[in-house]
Amino acid sequence: MRTSLPIKKLTLMAVLVCLGITLQLFESYLPFFVDLPGGKLGLANIATLIVLYMYGLREAVTVAALRSIIGALLFGGVVGMLYSVSGALLSMLVMYVAKRYFTRLSIVGVSVLGACAHSAAQVCVGAVILSSVLFYTYLPPLMAVAAVCGIFTGLAAKAAVQYLEKVEKR
């Protein structure tokens, strides 16, 4: 069977999709430090950041979409999928633009922007589903939590990318 992606790259991407889903499940069992519905660490985004920095946009969108769709089907249902996929795809687009055009921004900064974009997308989806612009008042506290959590996931992704780049050089 012939594939357009090298086997090593395809395998790592599949592992990262699985890792993202596993982190999403793991995160659901963690007590969150802020009682804010929708606020979470965003650990699954570590997988997306790794792929973005190691391979590029197309591969990262693939991992983000698969991780979001499969994770939502397993843990969240159809409405959860709307929130998850919209957040993941807007986050991915913002992270790609930040990485590409704001070259002084580190992976941590890119992660923070992605986390904030993810929250913005989810608030927009919530406002549409609930047919209420009042839902946008929820955005400032959610963005504050996203910024802090984006730092954490960015640091984790940075460490993983540095390790994986060393492994690839062997």
C-alpha atoms as a PDB file:
ATOM      1  CA  MET A   1       0.000   0.000   0.000  1.00  0.00           C
ATOM      2  CA  ARG A   2       1.356   3.374  -0.988  1.00  0.00           C
ATOM      3  CA  THR A   3       0.815   6.479   1.126  1.00  0.00           C
ATOM      4  CA  SER A   4       1.574  10.129   0.427  1.00  0.00           C
ATOM      5  CA  LEU A   5       3.190  10.539   3.847  1.00  0.00           C
ATOM      6  CA  PRO A   6       6.324   8.720   4.954  1.00  0.00           C
ATOM      7  CA  ILE A   7       5.491   5.912   7.368  1.00  0.00           C
ATOM      8  CA  LYS A   8       7.480   7.465  10.241  1.00  0.00           C
ATOM      9  CA  LYS A   9       5.610  10.771   9.910  1.00  0.00           C
ATOM     10  CA  LEU A  10       2.220   9.085   9.561  1.00  0.00           C
ATOM     11  CA  THR A  11       2.926   6.917  12.601  1.00  0.00           C
ATOM     12  CA  LEU A  12       3.934   9.887  14.750  1.00  0.00           C
ATOM     13  CA  MET A  13       0.816  11.767  13.670  1.00  0.00           C
ATOM     14  CA  ALA A  14      -1.383   8.789  14.588  1.00  0.00           C
ATOM     15  CA  VAL A  15       0.342   8.495  17.958  1.00  0.00           C
ATOM     16  CA  LEU A  16      -0.207  12.207  18.559  1.00  0.00           C
ATOM     17  CA  VAL A  17      -3.921  11.925  17.694  1.00  0.00           C
ATOM     18  CA  CYS A  18      -4.155   9.131  20.265  1.00  0.00           C
ATOM     19  CA  LEU A  19      -2.108  11.145  22.756  1.00  0.00           C
ATOM     20  CA  GLY A  20      -4.403  14.146  22.286  1.00  0.00           C
ATOM     21  CA  ILE A  21      -7.496  12.006  22.911  1.00  0.00           C
ATOM     22  CA  THR A  22      -5.865  10.403  25.946  1.00  0.00           C
ATOM     23  CA  LEU A  23      -4.896  13.811  27.349  1.00  0.00           C
ATOM     24  CA  GLN A  24      -8.455  15.020  26.753  1.00  0.00           C
ATOM     25  CA  LEU A  25      -9.793  12.084  28.771  1.00  0.00           C
ATOM     26  CA  PHE A  26      -7.139  12.489  31.476  1.00  0.00           C
ATOM     27  CA  GLU A  27      -7.933  16.181  31.778  1.00  0.00           C
ATOM     28  CA  SER A  28     -11.601  15.429  32.391  1.00  0.00           C
ATOM     29  CA  TYR A  29     -10.599  13.634  35.604  1.00  0.00           C
ATOM     30  CA  LEU A  30      -8.404  16.427  36.937  1.00  0.00           C
ATOM     31  CA  PRO A  31      -9.858  18.909  39.389  1.00  0.00           C
ATOM     32  CA  PHE A  32      -9.642  22.328  37.774  1.00  0.00           C
ATOM     33  CA  PHE A  33      -8.227  25.187  39.822  1.00  0.00           C
ATOM     34  CA  VAL A  34     -10.937  27.631  38.679  1.00  0.00           C
ATOM     35  CA  ASP A  35     -14.651  26.878  38.866  1.00  0.00           C
ATOM     36  CA  LEU A  36     -15.380  28.116  35.363  1.00  0.00           C
ATOM     37  CA  PRO A  37     -17.579  26.037  33.047  1.00  0.00           C
ATOM     38  CA  GLY A  38     -15.655  25.413  29.850  1.00  0.00           C
ATOM     39  CA  GLY A  39     -12.359  26.396  31.469  1.00  0.00           C
ATOM     40  CA  LYS A  40      -9.766  23.670  31.183  1.00  0.00           C
ATOM     41  CA  LEU A  41      -6.044  23.136  30.791  1.00  0.00           C
ATOM     42  CA  GLY A  42      -6.175  22.264  27.092  1.00  0.00           C
ATOM     43  CA  LEU A  43      -3.673  19.435  27.400  1.00  0.00           C
ATOM     44  CA  ALA A  44      -4.834  17.889  24.121  1.00  0.00           C
ATOM     45  CA  ASN A  45      -3.504  20.959  22.317  1.00  0.00           C
ATOM     46  CA  ILE A  46       0.023  19.807  23.130  1.00  0.00           C
ATOM     47  CA  ALA A  47      -0.320  17.210  20.375  1.00  0.00           C
ATOM     48  CA  THR A  48      -1.428  19.835  17.855  1.00  0.00           C
ATOM     49  CA  LEU A  49       1.430  22.172  18.741  1.00  0.00           C
ATOM     50  CA  ILE A  50       3.962  19.365  18.343  1.00  0.00           C
ATOM     51  CA  VAL A  51       2.699  18.548  14.856  1.00  0.00           C
ATOM     52  CA  LEU A  52       2.528  22.225  13.843  1.00  0.00           C
ATOM     53  CA  TYR A  53       6.148  22.794  14.839  1.00  0.00           C
ATOM     54  CA  MET A  54       7.498  19.518  13.481  1.00  0.00           C
ATOM     55  CA  TYR A  55       5.566  19.174  10.225  1.00  0.00           C
ATOM     56  CA  GLY A  56       3.356  22.135   9.333  1.00  0.00           C
ATOM     57  CA  LEU A  57      -0.172  23.367   8.824  1.00  0.00           C
ATOM     58  CA  ARG A  58      -1.782  20.554   6.831  1.00  0.00           C
ATOM     59  CA  GLU A  59      -0.610  17.871   9.223  1.00  0.00           C
ATOM     60  CA  ALA A  60      -1.529  19.934  12.299  1.00  0.00           C
ATOM     61  CA  VAL A  61      -5.053  20.607  10.981  1.00  0.00           C
ATOM     62  CA  THR A  62      -5.435  16.875  10.343  1.00  0.00           C
ATOM     63  CA  VAL A  63      -4.356  15.987  13.880  1.00  0.00           C
ATOM     64  CA  ALA A  64      -6.470  18.743  15.455  1.00  0.00           C
ATOM     65  CA  ALA A  65      -9.585  17.771  13.489  1.00  0.00           C
ATOM     66  CA  LEU A  66      -9.235  14.031  14.085  1.00  0.00           C
ATOM     67  CA  ARG A  67      -8.475  14.510  17.763  1.00  0.00           C
ATOM     68  CA  SER A  68     -11.454  16.832  18.215  1.00  0.00           C
ATOM     69  CA  ILE A  69     -13.933  14.728  16.270  1.00  0.00           C
ATOM     70  CA  ILE A  70     -12.948  11.401  17.811  1.00  0.00           C
ATOM     71  CA  GLY A  71     -12.672  12.890  21.301  1.00  0.00           C
ATOM     72  CA  ALA A  72     -16.083  14.550  21.003  1.00  0.00           C
ATOM     73  CA  LEU A  73     -17.678  11.352  19.730  1.00  0.00           C
ATOM     74  CA  LEU A  74     -16.187   9.409  22.630  1.00  0.00           C
ATOM     75  CA  PHE A  75     -16.781  11.932  25.415  1.00  0.00           C
ATOM     76  CA  GLY A  76     -18.998  14.812  24.330  1.00  0.00           C
ATOM     77  CA  GLY A  77     -21.655  14.038  21.739  1.00  0.00           C
ATOM     78  CA  VAL A  78     -22.746  16.128  18.775  1.00  0.00           C
ATOM     79  CA  VAL A  79     -23.049  19.462  20.589  1.00  0.00           C
ATOM     80  CA  GLY A  80     -19.680  18.862  22.219  1.00  0.00           C
ATOM     81  CA  MET A  81     -18.284  18.222  18.744  1.00  0.00           C
ATOM     82  CA  LEU A  82     -19.444  21.658  17.580  1.00  0.00           C
ATOM     83  CA  TYR A  83     -17.583  23.307  20.446  1.00  0.00           C
ATOM     84  CA  SER A  84     -14.506  21.117  20.130  1.00  0.00           C
ATOM     85  CA  VAL A  85     -14.032  21.231  16.364  1.00  0.00           C
ATOM     86  CA  SER A  86     -14.721  24.967  16.047  1.00  0.00           C
ATOM     87  CA  GLY A  87     -12.308  25.699  18.887  1.00  0.00           C
ATOM     88  CA  ALA A  88      -9.612  23.391  17.549  1.00  0.00           C
ATOM     89  CA  LEU A  89      -9.770  24.694  13.980  1.00  0.00           C
ATOM     90  CA  LEU A  90      -9.793  28.406  14.868  1.00  0.00           C
ATOM     91  CA  SER A  91      -7.034  27.772  17.381  1.00  0.00           C
ATOM     92  CA  MET A  92      -5.020  25.942  14.725  1.00  0.00           C
ATOM     93  CA  LEU A  93      -5.458  28.778  12.224  1.00  0.00           C
ATOM     94  CA  VAL A  94      -4.416  31.425  14.778  1.00  0.00           C
ATOM     95  CA  MET A  95      -1.408  29.364  15.900  1.00  0.00           C
ATOM     96  CA  TYR A  96      -0.278  28.863  12.307  1.00  0.00           C
ATOM     97  CA  VAL A  97      -0.564  32.576  11.489  1.00  0.00           C
ATOM     98  CA  ALA A  98       1.256  33.492  14.719  1.00  0.00           C
ATOM     99  CA  LYS A  99       4.043  30.996  14.072  1.00  0.00           C
ATOM    100  CA  ARG A 100       4.451  31.997  10.450  1.00  0.00           C
ATOM    101  CA  TYR A 101       4.149  35.787  10.623  1.00  0.00           C
ATOM    102  CA  PHE A 102       5.178  36.646  14.179  1.00  0.00           C
ATOM    103  CA  THR A 103       8.540  34.897  14.138  1.00  0.00           C
ATOM    104  CA  ARG A 104       9.706  36.425  17.413  1.00  0.00           C
ATOM    105  CA  LEU A 105       6.860  34.688  19.205  1.00  0.00           C
ATOM    106  CA  SER A 106       7.922  31.489  20.954  1.00  0.00           C
ATOM    107  CA  ILE A 107       5.922  28.270  20.985  1.00  0.00           C
ATOM    108  CA  VAL A 108       4.604  29.386  24.389  1.00  0.00           C
ATOM    109  CA  GLY A 109       3.273  32.641  22.921  1.00  0.00           C
ATOM    110  CA  VAL A 110       1.756  30.758  20.004  1.00  0.00           C
ATOM    111  CA  SER A 111       0.099  28.397  22.497  1.00  0.00           C
ATOM    112  CA  VAL A 112      -1.400  31.294  24.464  1.00  0.00           C
ATOM    113  CA  LEU A 113      -2.870  32.815  21.301  1.00  0.00           C
ATOM    114  CA  GLY A 114      -4.238  29.417  20.292  1.00  0.00           C
ATOM    115  CA  ALA A 115      -5.826  28.873  23.706  1.00  0.00           C
ATOM    116  CA  CYS A 116      -7.489  32.292  23.543  1.00  0.00           C
ATOM    117  CA  ALA A 117      -8.737  31.621  20.003  1.00  0.00           C
ATOM    118  CA  HIS A 118     -10.130  28.281  21.137  1.00  0.00           C
ATOM    119  CA  SER A 119     -12.088  29.999  23.906  1.00  0.00           C
ATOM    120  CA  ALA A 120     -13.336  32.704  21.524  1.00  0.00           C
ATOM    121  CA  ALA A 121     -14.599  30.099  19.057  1.00  0.00           C
ATOM    122  CA  GLN A 122     -16.383  28.186  21.794  1.00  0.00           C
ATOM    123  CA  VAL A 123     -18.048  31.340  23.126  1.00  0.00           C
ATOM    124  CA  CYS A 124     -19.220  32.186  19.594  1.00  0.00           C
ATOM    125  CA  VAL A 125     -20.673  28.697  19.161  1.00  0.00           C
ATOM    126  CA  GLY A 126     -22.356  28.979  22.571  1.00  0.00           C
ATOM    127  CA  ALA A 127     -23.847  32.365  21.673  1.00  0.00           C
ATOM    128  CA  VAL A 128     -25.265  30.916  18.453  1.00  0.00           C
ATOM    129  CA  ILE A 129     -26.617  27.760  20.109  1.00  0.00           C
ATOM    130  CA  LEU A 130     -28.182  29.714  22.975  1.00  0.00           C
ATOM    131  CA  SER A 131     -29.222  32.612  20.700  1.00  0.00           C
ATOM    132  CA  SER A 132     -27.913  35.138  23.182  1.00  0.00           C
ATOM    133  CA  VAL A 133     -25.296  37.846  22.889  1.00  0.00           C
ATOM    134  CA  LEU A 134     -25.056  37.793  26.686  1.00  0.00           C
ATOM    135  CA  PHE A 135     -22.913  34.707  26.280  1.00  0.00           C
ATOM    136  CA  TYR A 136     -20.088  37.016  25.143  1.00  0.00           C
ATOM    137  CA  THR A 137     -19.826  38.434  28.686  1.00  0.00           C
ATOM    138  CA  TYR A 138     -18.315  35.063  29.558  1.00  0.00           C
ATOM    139  CA  LEU A 139     -15.368  35.709  27.249  1.00  0.00           C
ATOM    140  CA  PRO A 140     -13.071  37.851  29.495  1.00  0.00           C
ATOM    141  CA  PRO A 141     -12.774  35.367  32.389  1.00  0.00           C
ATOM    142  CA  LEU A 142     -12.487  32.463  29.948  1.00  0.00           C
ATOM    143  CA  MET A 143      -9.680  34.290  28.085  1.00  0.00           C
ATOM    144  CA  ALA A 144      -7.794  34.911  31.315  1.00  0.00           C
ATOM    145  CA  VAL A 145      -7.906  31.207  32.157  1.00  0.00           C
ATOM    146  CA  ALA A 146      -6.974  30.328  28.560  1.00  0.00           C
ATOM    147  CA  ALA A 147      -3.902  32.568  28.676  1.00  0.00           C
ATOM    148  CA  VAL A 148      -2.593  30.954  31.853  1.00  0.00           C
ATOM    149  CA  CYS A 149      -3.315  27.434  30.601  1.00  0.00           C
ATOM    150  CA  GLY A 150      -1.776  28.274  27.215  1.00  0.00           C
ATOM    151  CA  ILE A 151       1.515  28.994  28.969  1.00  0.00           C
ATOM    152  CA  PHE A 152       1.462  25.565  30.587  1.00  0.00           C
ATOM    153  CA  THR A 153       0.615  23.684  27.381  1.00  0.00           C
ATOM    154  CA  GLY A 154       3.148  25.743  25.435  1.00  0.00           C
ATOM    155  CA  LEU A 155       5.922  24.832  27.851  1.00  0.00           C
ATOM    156  CA  ALA A 156       4.983  21.150  27.647  1.00  0.00           C
ATOM    157  CA  ALA A 157       4.871  21.263  23.836  1.00  0.00           C
ATOM    158  CA  LYS A 158       8.216  23.068  23.720  1.00  0.00           C
ATOM    159  CA  ALA A 159       9.865  20.343  25.797  1.00  0.00           C
ATOM    160  CA  ALA A 160       8.286  17.615  23.648  1.00  0.00           C
ATOM    161  CA  VAL A 161       9.347  19.241  20.356  1.00  0.00           C
ATOM    162  CA  GLN A 162      12.918  19.675  21.598  1.00  0.00           C
ATOM    163  CA  TYR A 163      13.038  16.017  22.640  1.00  0.00           C
ATOM    164  CA  LEU A 164      11.498  14.721  19.408  1.00  0.00           C
ATOM    165  CA  GLU A 165      13.888  16.811  17.287  1.00  0.00           C
ATOM    166  CA  LYS A 166      16.844  15.245  19.150  1.00  0.00           C
ATOM    167  CA  VAL A 167      15.392  11.776  18.575  1.00  0.00           C
ATOM    168  CA  GLU A 168      14.881  12.439  14.852  1.00  0.00           C
ATOM    169  CA  LYS A 169      18.518  13.479  14.443  1.00  0.00           C
ATOM    170  CA  ARG A 170      19.710  10.072  15.638  1.00  0.00           C
END
